Amino acid sequence: MTTDSSVDGGYAKHEDATAVRPGHPLRWRRLLIGLGLVHALVVGFSLISPLLTGQARGETLFSVYFDVNYEGNFPTWWSVVQLAAATTTLLFAAVLARHQRIKGATAWWILAGMVFLLCLDEGTWLHERLDTLAGQFVDVADFTFVWLVFGIPIAVAVLVLAIISARHLPEASTRLIVLGIVTLLFAAVGLELVAGEVIRLGAPTAVLAVVYHLEEFLELVAGALLLAAPLAAVRTRTTGRSTTFTLMDRSRR
């Protein structure tokens, strides 16, 4: 009897351990590497396209469709798709957090809304149209990228909101979100200021091309980090034909 009881107890403990096991992590690192390679190809092709045709930058057969300095073409579409996917994964995490009633659900909703607005801006070029409003407050001739008059305060607000929200999430997700937002703002605001200074100094067009291609590449990398952030917090467990998803909170490893 003692032996049977011991075995039964061990089996019960094994069942309990299995029940609380969070499951297997998603392969989000592989996704990041894959997206990084695609981004490098998209931006790299835009950068070297003049060498393929011998024409001036912006005048090649590929410019309208593949030059990252143009709007409404393939690089823009690719960026919008990635940000839309990031919004979707953040919303999925928010729904899981609410369903599991864990701390951080509000943060996931806030971040999903913020990335959705970034996606909307990328698809409609709203930030490019701020120059009309900003021109009322600054002399256009003295400020190359006028939209930064509003862009810089907005960037600061986005960074603060992201940091406050992300600190309630699992550590891996927090790091990815903060790194993604910092990378995005460095590219969109910091390198935009650098590009303005390059233009003001009359530097060679090749230098300007490198700057804005680096800017676009980092913006794409930032989108990939935001896409991977919620995936880093998800665990899966497959039983038979069913798969369940579990969202980690900050206290669980």
Protein backbone atom coordinates (compact mmCIF):
# COMPACT_ATOMS: atom_id res chain seq x y z
CA MET A 1 0.00 0.00 0.00
CA THR A 2 2.81 2.37 0.86
CA THR A 3 4.44 1.80 -2.49
CA ASP A 4 1.19 2.36 -4.38
CA SER A 5 0.47 5.53 -2.44
CA SER A 6 3.94 6.83 -3.19
CA VAL A 7 3.53 6.14 -6.88
CA ASP A 8 0.10 7.78 -6.96
CA GLY A 9 1.45 10.81 -5.16
CA GLY A 10 4.34 11.08 -7.59
CA TYR A 11 1.95 10.84 -10.53
CA ALA A 12 -0.26 13.55 -9.05
CA LYS A 13 2.72 15.83 -8.57
CA HIS A 14 3.78 15.17 -12.16
CA GLU A 15 0.28 16.12 -13.37
CA ASP A 16 0.38 19.32 -11.30
CA ALA A 17 3.77 20.26 -12.70
CA THR A 18 2.51 19.66 -16.23
CA ALA A 19 -0.57 21.78 -15.58
CA VAL A 20 1.40 24.84 -14.54
CA ARG A 21 4.09 24.50 -17.19
CA PRO A 22 3.75 27.56 -19.46
CA GLY A 23 4.65 25.73 -22.68
CA HIS A 24 7.16 26.33 -25.44
CA PRO A 25 8.39 29.80 -26.49
CA LEU A 26 7.83 31.00 -30.03
CA ARG A 27 10.85 31.30 -32.31
CA TRP A 28 10.77 35.08 -32.42
CA ARG A 29 14.55 35.41 -32.74
CA ARG A 30 14.47 33.55 -36.04
CA LEU A 31 11.70 35.86 -37.17
CA LEU A 32 13.83 38.88 -36.30
CA ILE A 33 16.79 37.54 -38.25
CA GLY A 34 14.60 36.73 -41.26
CA LEU A 35 12.99 40.16 -41.26
CA GLY A 36 16.39 41.81 -40.88
CA LEU A 37 17.63 40.03 -44.01
CA VAL A 38 14.55 41.09 -45.98
CA HIS A 39 14.99 44.69 -44.81
CA ALA A 40 18.63 44.64 -45.88
CA LEU A 41 17.61 43.42 -49.34
CA VAL A 42 14.86 46.04 -49.74
CA VAL A 43 17.04 48.96 -48.64
CA GLY A 44 20.18 47.61 -50.30
CA PHE A 45 18.48 47.30 -53.68
CA SER A 46 17.28 50.88 -53.40
CA LEU A 47 20.80 52.03 -52.56
CA ILE A 48 22.60 50.25 -55.41
CA SER A 49 19.95 50.64 -58.13
CA PRO A 50 21.76 53.60 -59.79
CA LEU A 51 24.81 51.36 -60.22
CA LEU A 52 22.67 48.87 -62.14
CA THR A 53 21.43 51.40 -64.67
CA GLY A 54 24.12 54.07 -64.74
CA GLN A 55 21.44 56.73 -64.24
CA ALA A 56 21.28 59.40 -61.55
CA ARG A 57 19.62 58.51 -58.27
CA GLY A 58 15.90 59.17 -58.45
CA GLU A 59 15.88 58.83 -62.24
CA THR A 60 16.36 55.08 -62.61
CA LEU A 61 13.75 52.62 -63.84
CA PHE A 62 13.47 51.35 -60.27
CA SER A 63 13.13 54.68 -58.46
CA VAL A 64 9.36 55.05 -58.49
CA TYR A 65 8.81 51.49 -57.31
CA PHE A 66 11.77 50.69 -55.06
CA ASP A 67 13.56 53.89 -53.95
CA VAL A 68 13.07 54.30 -50.19
CA ASN A 69 13.10 58.07 -50.63
CA TYR A 70 9.79 57.84 -52.51
CA GLU A 71 6.43 57.37 -50.84
CA GLY A 72 3.67 54.96 -51.84
CA ASN A 73 5.92 52.30 -53.35
CA PHE A 74 7.15 48.82 -52.37
CA PRO A 75 9.30 49.87 -49.36
CA THR A 76 6.35 51.88 -48.01
CA TRP A 77 4.00 48.94 -48.51
CA TRP A 78 6.44 46.58 -46.79
CA SER A 79 6.78 48.92 -43.81
CA VAL A 80 2.99 49.27 -43.49
CA VAL A 81 2.51 45.49 -43.64
CA GLN A 82 5.07 44.99 -40.89
CA LEU A 83 3.53 47.64 -38.63
CA ALA A 84 0.08 46.16 -39.25
CA ALA A 85 1.44 42.75 -38.23
CA ALA A 86 2.99 44.31 -35.12
CA THR A 87 -0.37 45.87 -34.24
CA THR A 88 -2.02 42.47 -34.66
CA THR A 89 0.46 40.64 -32.41
CA LEU A 90 0.13 43.35 -29.75
CA LEU A 91 -3.66 43.08 -29.88
CA PHE A 92 -3.38 39.29 -29.59
CA ALA A 93 -1.23 39.72 -26.48
CA ALA A 94 -3.73 42.21 -25.07
CA VAL A 95 -6.62 39.77 -25.58
CA LEU A 96 -4.63 36.96 -23.94
CA ALA A 97 -3.71 39.19 -21.00
CA ARG A 98 -7.33 40.16 -20.47
CA HIS A 99 -8.51 36.55 -20.78
CA GLN A 100 -5.91 35.36 -18.26
CA ARG A 101 -6.50 38.40 -16.04
CA ILE A 102 -2.82 39.11 -15.62
CA LYS A 103 -1.12 42.39 -14.91
CA GLY A 104 -0.11 44.36 -17.98
CA ALA A 105 -3.25 43.99 -20.10
CA THR A 106 -3.72 47.77 -20.27
CA ALA A 107 -0.12 48.22 -21.37
CA TRP A 108 -0.61 45.82 -24.28
CA TRP A 109 -3.72 47.74 -25.39
CA ILE A 110 -1.90 51.08 -25.19
CA LEU A 111 1.07 49.81 -27.17
CA ALA A 112 -1.20 48.26 -29.80
CA GLY A 113 -2.96 51.59 -30.24
CA MET A 114 0.34 53.45 -30.49
CA VAL A 115 1.75 51.11 -33.15
CA PHE A 116 -1.54 51.31 -35.06
CA LEU A 117 -1.13 55.10 -35.22
CA LEU A 118 2.44 54.63 -36.47
CA CYS A 119 1.10 52.29 -39.14
CA LEU A 120 -1.56 54.82 -40.11
CA ASP A 121 1.03 57.57 -40.34
CA GLU A 122 3.33 55.42 -42.48
CA GLY A 123 0.54 54.52 -44.88
CA THR A 124 -0.88 58.04 -45.24
CA TRP A 125 2.35 60.10 -44.87
CA LEU A 126 0.66 62.35 -42.29
CA HIS A 127 3.99 63.49 -40.82
CA GLU A 128 5.01 64.81 -44.23
CA ARG A 129 1.98 67.11 -44.19
CA LEU A 130 2.81 68.76 -40.89
CA ASP A 131 4.97 71.31 -42.70
CA THR A 132 1.91 73.41 -43.53
CA LEU A 133 0.98 73.73 -39.86
CA ALA A 134 4.56 73.99 -38.61
CA GLY A 135 5.26 76.75 -41.11
CA GLN A 136 3.05 79.01 -38.99
CA PHE A 137 5.57 78.77 -36.14
CA VAL A 138 8.97 78.64 -37.82
CA ASP A 139 10.71 80.16 -40.83
CA VAL A 140 10.71 77.42 -43.48
CA ALA A 141 13.92 78.73 -45.05
CA ASP A 142 15.79 78.13 -41.78
CA PHE A 143 14.50 74.63 -41.07
CA THR A 144 14.82 71.95 -43.71
CA PHE A 145 12.44 69.40 -42.24
CA VAL A 146 9.71 71.62 -40.80
CA TRP A 147 7.56 68.74 -39.58
CA LEU A 148 10.11 68.11 -36.82
CA VAL A 149 8.75 71.19 -35.03
CA PHE A 150 5.91 68.90 -33.99
CA GLY A 151 7.73 65.64 -34.59
CA ILE A 152 10.23 66.10 -31.76
CA PRO A 153 7.62 66.72 -29.00
CA ILE A 154 5.54 63.84 -30.34
CA ALA A 155 8.62 61.61 -30.32
CA VAL A 156 9.34 62.45 -26.68
CA ALA A 157 5.72 61.71 -25.74
CA VAL A 158 5.81 58.37 -27.58
CA LEU A 159 9.05 57.37 -25.86
CA VAL A 160 7.73 58.21 -22.39
CA LEU A 161 4.44 56.39 -23.05
CA ALA A 162 6.26 53.32 -24.36
CA ILE A 163 8.62 53.13 -21.37
CA ILE A 164 5.81 53.57 -18.83
CA SER A 165 3.67 50.92 -20.54
CA ALA A 166 6.44 48.42 -21.26
CA ARG A 167 7.67 48.26 -17.65
CA HIS A 168 4.55 46.22 -16.78
CA LEU A 169 5.36 43.55 -19.38
CA PRO A 170 7.69 40.51 -19.28
CA GLU A 171 11.34 41.50 -19.30
CA ALA A 172 12.07 40.25 -22.84
CA SER A 173 9.07 42.12 -24.24
CA THR A 174 10.03 45.26 -22.35
CA ARG A 175 13.54 45.23 -23.81
CA LEU A 176 12.27 44.68 -27.35
CA ILE A 177 9.65 47.43 -27.15
CA VAL A 178 11.98 50.03 -25.63
CA LEU A 179 14.72 49.14 -28.12
CA GLY A 180 12.22 49.29 -30.97
CA ILE A 181 10.87 52.72 -30.00
CA VAL A 182 14.35 54.15 -29.35
CA THR A 183 15.57 52.84 -32.72
CA LEU A 184 12.52 54.24 -34.49
CA LEU A 185 12.89 57.69 -32.94
CA PHE A 186 16.64 57.78 -33.56
CA ALA A 187 16.01 57.02 -37.22
CA ALA A 188 12.92 59.16 -37.79
CA VAL A 189 14.04 62.20 -35.80
CA GLY A 190 17.80 61.94 -35.23
CA LEU A 191 18.81 60.93 -38.74
CA GLU A 192 16.26 63.33 -40.20
CA LEU A 193 18.09 66.14 -38.44
CA VAL A 194 21.38 64.77 -39.74
CA ALA A 195 19.97 64.71 -43.27
CA GLY A 196 18.88 68.32 -42.90
CA GLU A 197 22.38 69.31 -41.83
CA VAL A 198 23.90 67.37 -44.75
CA ILE A 199 21.68 69.28 -47.16
CA ARG A 200 22.49 72.61 -45.50
CA LEU A 201 26.23 71.97 -45.81
CA GLY A 202 25.91 71.04 -49.46
CA ALA A 203 27.49 67.60 -49.01
CA PRO A 204 27.65 65.17 -51.96
CA THR A 205 24.37 63.47 -52.83
CA ALA A 206 25.97 60.08 -52.12
CA VAL A 207 26.35 61.06 -48.45
CA LEU A 208 22.71 62.11 -48.25
CA ALA A 209 21.67 58.85 -49.92
CA VAL A 210 23.54 56.79 -47.32
CA VAL A 211 21.93 58.78 -44.49
CA TYR A 212 18.35 58.36 -45.63
CA HIS A 213 18.86 54.70 -46.56
CA LEU A 214 20.23 54.08 -43.06
CA GLU A 215 17.21 55.92 -41.67
CA GLU A 216 14.77 53.72 -43.59
CA PHE A 217 16.62 50.53 -42.66
CA LEU A 218 16.55 51.37 -38.95
CA GLU A 219 12.85 52.23 -39.14
CA LEU A 220 12.19 48.79 -40.63
CA VAL A 221 14.32 47.15 -37.93
CA ALA A 222 12.34 49.05 -35.29
CA GLY A 223 9.10 47.70 -36.74
CA ALA A 224 10.50 44.17 -36.56
CA LEU A 225 11.39 44.63 -32.89
CA LEU A 226 7.86 45.85 -32.12
CA LEU A 227 6.46 42.86 -34.00
CA ALA A 228 8.59 40.39 -32.03
CA ALA A 229 7.97 41.95 -28.60
CA PRO A 230 4.59 40.32 -27.86
CA LEU A 231 5.70 37.03 -29.43
CA ALA A 232 8.51 36.85 -26.86
CA ALA A 233 5.87 36.72 -24.11
CA VAL A 234 3.74 33.95 -25.65
CA ARG A 235 4.09 30.25 -24.86
CA THR A 236 2.34 27.43 -26.73
CA ARG A 237 1.35 23.93 -25.70
CA THR A 238 -0.02 21.35 -28.12
CA THR A 239 -2.21 18.51 -26.86
CA GLY A 240 -3.54 16.22 -29.53
CA ARG A 241 -5.05 18.44 -32.21
CA SER A 242 -5.45 21.51 -30.02
CA THR A 243 -2.93 24.27 -29.32
CA THR A 244 -3.24 26.61 -26.36
CA PHE A 245 -1.52 29.96 -25.93
CA THR A 246 -0.30 31.37 -22.63
CA LEU A 247 0.93 34.90 -22.07
CA MET A 248 3.73 35.33 -19.56
CA ASP A 249 3.50 38.12 -17.01
CA ARG A 250 6.43 39.94 -15.44
CA SER A 251 6.68 37.55 -12.49
CA ARG A 252 6.83 34.37 -14.58
CA ARG A 253 9.99 33.11 -16.34
